């Protein structure tokens, strides 16, 4: 059974171990990277059968892949600074980012 994601695309979150904040730009219902990545990077061995999130890190130029158990909703609802924001979002409103609309012709 796949667990419902706790966080949404466009939501600002805090990483509870590494103390950075960022915005979610993608959600996987379960872990979807390689076993090698998991062994090398996910040192706390978070569950693979729960949601994982793609996060643009505030004041950095990279993104991270984070297990749900390592995230909390951020109390800081100010905008984040990241060079890739415009690739995923067009509007920042009420502490949330709104996704870029997909045009289909």
C-alpha atoms as a PDB file:
ATOM      1  CA  UNK A   1       0.000   0.000   0.000  1.00  0.00           C
ATOM      2  CA  UNK A   2       1.407   3.397  -1.017  1.00  0.00           C
ATOM      3  CA  UNK A   3       1.337   6.052   1.675  1.00  0.00           C
ATOM      4  CA  UNK A   4      -0.248   9.440   0.918  1.00  0.00           C
ATOM      5  CA  UNK A   5       2.367  12.196   0.580  1.00  0.00           C
ATOM      6  CA  UNK A   6       2.435  14.585   3.537  1.00  0.00           C
ATOM      7  CA  UNK A   7       3.882  17.526   1.558  1.00  0.00           C
ATOM      8  CA  UNK A   8       2.916  19.141  -1.756  1.00  0.00           C
ATOM      9  CA  UNK A   9       4.772  20.503  -4.759  1.00  0.00           C
ATOM     10  CA  UNK A  10       5.441  24.180  -4.096  1.00  0.00           C
ATOM     11  CA  UNK A  11       5.493  23.779  -0.314  1.00  0.00           C
ATOM     12  CA  UNK A  12       8.439  25.161   1.664  1.00  0.00           C
ATOM     13  CA  UNK A  13      10.019  22.602   3.978  1.00  0.00           C
ATOM     14  CA  UNK A  14      12.879  22.278   6.443  1.00  0.00           C
ATOM     15  CA  UNK A  15      15.261  19.317   6.543  1.00  0.00           C
ATOM     16  CA  UNK A  16      15.268  18.164  10.172  1.00  0.00           C
ATOM     17  CA  UNK A  17      18.783  16.677  10.093  1.00  0.00           C
ATOM     18  CA  UNK A  18      20.761  19.076   7.893  1.00  0.00           C
ATOM     19  CA  UNK A  19      18.821  22.224   8.844  1.00  0.00           C
ATOM     20  CA  UNK A  20      18.309  23.691   5.391  1.00  0.00           C
ATOM     21  CA  UNK A  21      15.053  24.878   3.894  1.00  0.00           C
ATOM     22  CA  UNK A  22      13.801  24.521   0.370  1.00  0.00           C
ATOM     23  CA  UNK A  23      10.802  24.085  -1.894  1.00  0.00           C
ATOM     24  CA  UNK A  24       9.430  20.778  -3.126  1.00  0.00           C
ATOM     25  CA  UNK A  25       9.423  20.467  -6.925  1.00  0.00           C
ATOM     26  CA  UNK A  26       8.696  16.756  -7.241  1.00  0.00           C
ATOM     27  CA  UNK A  27       7.228  13.866  -5.264  1.00  0.00           C
ATOM     28  CA  UNK A  28       7.846  10.146  -5.686  1.00  0.00           C
ATOM     29  CA  UNK A  29       5.391   7.810  -3.913  1.00  0.00           C
ATOM     30  CA  UNK A  30       8.337   5.548  -3.014  1.00  0.00           C
ATOM     31  CA  UNK A  31      12.134   5.743  -3.299  1.00  0.00           C
ATOM     32  CA  UNK A  32      13.075   5.747  -7.000  1.00  0.00           C
ATOM     33  CA  UNK A  33      16.850   6.162  -7.241  1.00  0.00           C
ATOM     34  CA  UNK A  34      19.461   3.401  -7.376  1.00  0.00           C
ATOM     35  CA  UNK A  35      20.393   1.062  -4.576  1.00  0.00           C
ATOM     36  CA  UNK A  36      23.950   2.392  -4.860  1.00  0.00           C
ATOM     37  CA  UNK A  37      22.727   5.984  -4.245  1.00  0.00           C
ATOM     38  CA  UNK A  38      20.706   4.823  -1.248  1.00  0.00           C
ATOM     39  CA  UNK A  39      23.688   3.013   0.295  1.00  0.00           C
ATOM     40  CA  UNK A  40      26.078   5.940  -0.279  1.00  0.00           C
ATOM     41  CA  UNK A  41      23.813   8.902   0.552  1.00  0.00           C
ATOM     42  CA  UNK A  42      20.906   7.799   2.743  1.00  0.00           C
ATOM     43  CA  UNK A  43      23.040   6.999   5.778  1.00  0.00           C
ATOM     44  CA  UNK A  44      20.083   6.922   8.210  1.00  0.00           C
ATOM     45  CA  UNK A  45      18.368   4.324   5.961  1.00  0.00           C
ATOM     46  CA  UNK A  46      14.949   5.987   5.819  1.00  0.00           C
ATOM     47  CA  UNK A  47      12.070   3.836   4.546  1.00  0.00           C
ATOM     48  CA  UNK A  48      11.977   3.260   0.798  1.00  0.00           C
ATOM     49  CA  UNK A  49       8.257   2.472   0.779  1.00  0.00           C
ATOM     50  CA  UNK A  50       7.188   5.980   1.851  1.00  0.00           C
ATOM     51  CA  UNK A  51       7.217   9.240  -0.167  1.00  0.00           C
ATOM     52  CA  UNK A  52      10.495  10.891  -1.225  1.00  0.00           C
ATOM     53  CA  UNK A  53      10.790  14.511  -2.364  1.00  0.00           C
ATOM     54  CA  UNK A  54      12.866  16.513  -4.831  1.00  0.00           C
ATOM     55  CA  UNK A  55      13.801  19.787  -3.100  1.00  0.00           C
ATOM     56  CA  UNK A  56      15.427  22.979  -4.406  1.00  0.00           C
ATOM     57  CA  UNK A  57      17.722  24.106  -1.576  1.00  0.00           C
ATOM     58  CA  UNK A  58      17.437  27.753  -0.478  1.00  0.00           C
ATOM     59  CA  UNK A  59      20.501  29.926  -1.189  1.00  0.00           C
ATOM     60  CA  UNK A  60      22.192  27.083  -3.091  1.00  0.00           C
ATOM     61  CA  UNK A  61      22.404  25.953  -6.709  1.00  0.00           C
ATOM     62  CA  UNK A  62      21.547  22.301  -6.205  1.00  0.00           C
ATOM     63  CA  UNK A  63      18.589  20.118  -5.347  1.00  0.00           C
ATOM     64  CA  UNK A  64      18.289  17.182  -2.974  1.00  0.00           C
ATOM     65  CA  UNK A  65      16.291  13.967  -2.771  1.00  0.00           C
ATOM     66  CA  UNK A  66      14.833  13.558   0.692  1.00  0.00           C
ATOM     67  CA  UNK A  67      12.758  10.971   2.537  1.00  0.00           C
ATOM     68  CA  UNK A  68       9.534  12.266   4.030  1.00  0.00           C
ATOM     69  CA  UNK A  69      10.667  11.360   7.558  1.00  0.00           C
ATOM     70  CA  UNK A  70      13.488  13.934   7.257  1.00  0.00           C
ATOM     71  CA  UNK A  71      11.232  16.880   6.364  1.00  0.00           C
ATOM     72  CA  UNK A  72       8.985  19.258   8.287  1.00  0.00           C
ATOM     73  CA  UNK A  73       6.732  22.029   7.034  1.00  0.00           C
ATOM     74  CA  UNK A  74       8.739  25.234   7.346  1.00  0.00           C
ATOM     75  CA  UNK A  75       7.650  27.959   9.734  1.00  0.00           C
ATOM     76  CA  UNK A  76       9.483  30.450   7.498  1.00  0.00           C
ATOM     77  CA  UNK A  77       7.136  31.249   4.633  1.00  0.00           C
ATOM     78  CA  UNK A  78       9.396  33.760   2.891  1.00  0.00           C
ATOM     79  CA  UNK A  79      10.569  33.168  -0.674  1.00  0.00           C
ATOM     80  CA  UNK A  80      13.594  30.989  -1.266  1.00  0.00           C
ATOM     81  CA  UNK A  81      16.513  31.861  -3.538  1.00  0.00           C
ATOM     82  CA  UNK A  82      17.470  29.250  -6.120  1.00  0.00           C
ATOM     83  CA  UNK A  83      18.540  29.643  -9.779  1.00  0.00           C
ATOM     84  CA  UNK A  84      16.132  26.918 -11.007  1.00  0.00           C
ATOM     85  CA  UNK A  85      12.930  28.299  -9.440  1.00  0.00           C
ATOM     86  CA  UNK A  86      11.686  29.626 -12.800  1.00  0.00           C
ATOM     87  CA  UNK A  87      11.911  26.164 -14.355  1.00  0.00           C
ATOM     88  CA  UNK A  88       9.275  24.839 -11.965  1.00  0.00           C
ATOM     89  CA  UNK A  89       7.276  27.764 -10.613  1.00  0.00           C
ATOM     90  CA  UNK A  90       5.802  31.036 -11.868  1.00  0.00           C
ATOM     91  CA  UNK A  91       4.154  32.557  -8.804  1.00  0.00           C
ATOM     92  CA  UNK A  92       4.878  32.805  -5.075  1.00  0.00           C
ATOM     93  CA  UNK A  93       1.657  33.395  -3.159  1.00  0.00           C
ATOM     94  CA  UNK A  94       0.714  32.973   0.502  1.00  0.00           C
ATOM     95  CA  UNK A  95       3.944  31.125   1.315  1.00  0.00           C
ATOM     96  CA  UNK A  96       3.588  28.605  -1.542  1.00  0.00           C
ATOM     97  CA  UNK A  97       5.028  28.336  -5.026  1.00  0.00           C
ATOM     98  CA  UNK A  98       2.621  27.767  -7.903  1.00  0.00           C
ATOM     99  CA  UNK A  99       3.745  25.390 -10.663  1.00  0.00           C
ATOM    100  CA  UNK A 100       4.443  26.440 -14.217  1.00  0.00           C
ATOM    101  CA  UNK A 101       1.369  25.625 -16.311  1.00  0.00           C
ATOM    102  CA  UNK A 102       1.911  23.042 -19.044  1.00  0.00           C
ATOM    103  CA  UNK A 103       0.642  24.190 -22.435  1.00  0.00           C
ATOM    104  CA  UNK A 104      -0.769  21.493 -24.706  1.00  0.00           C
ATOM    105  CA  UNK A 105      -1.584  22.439 -28.274  1.00  0.00           C
END
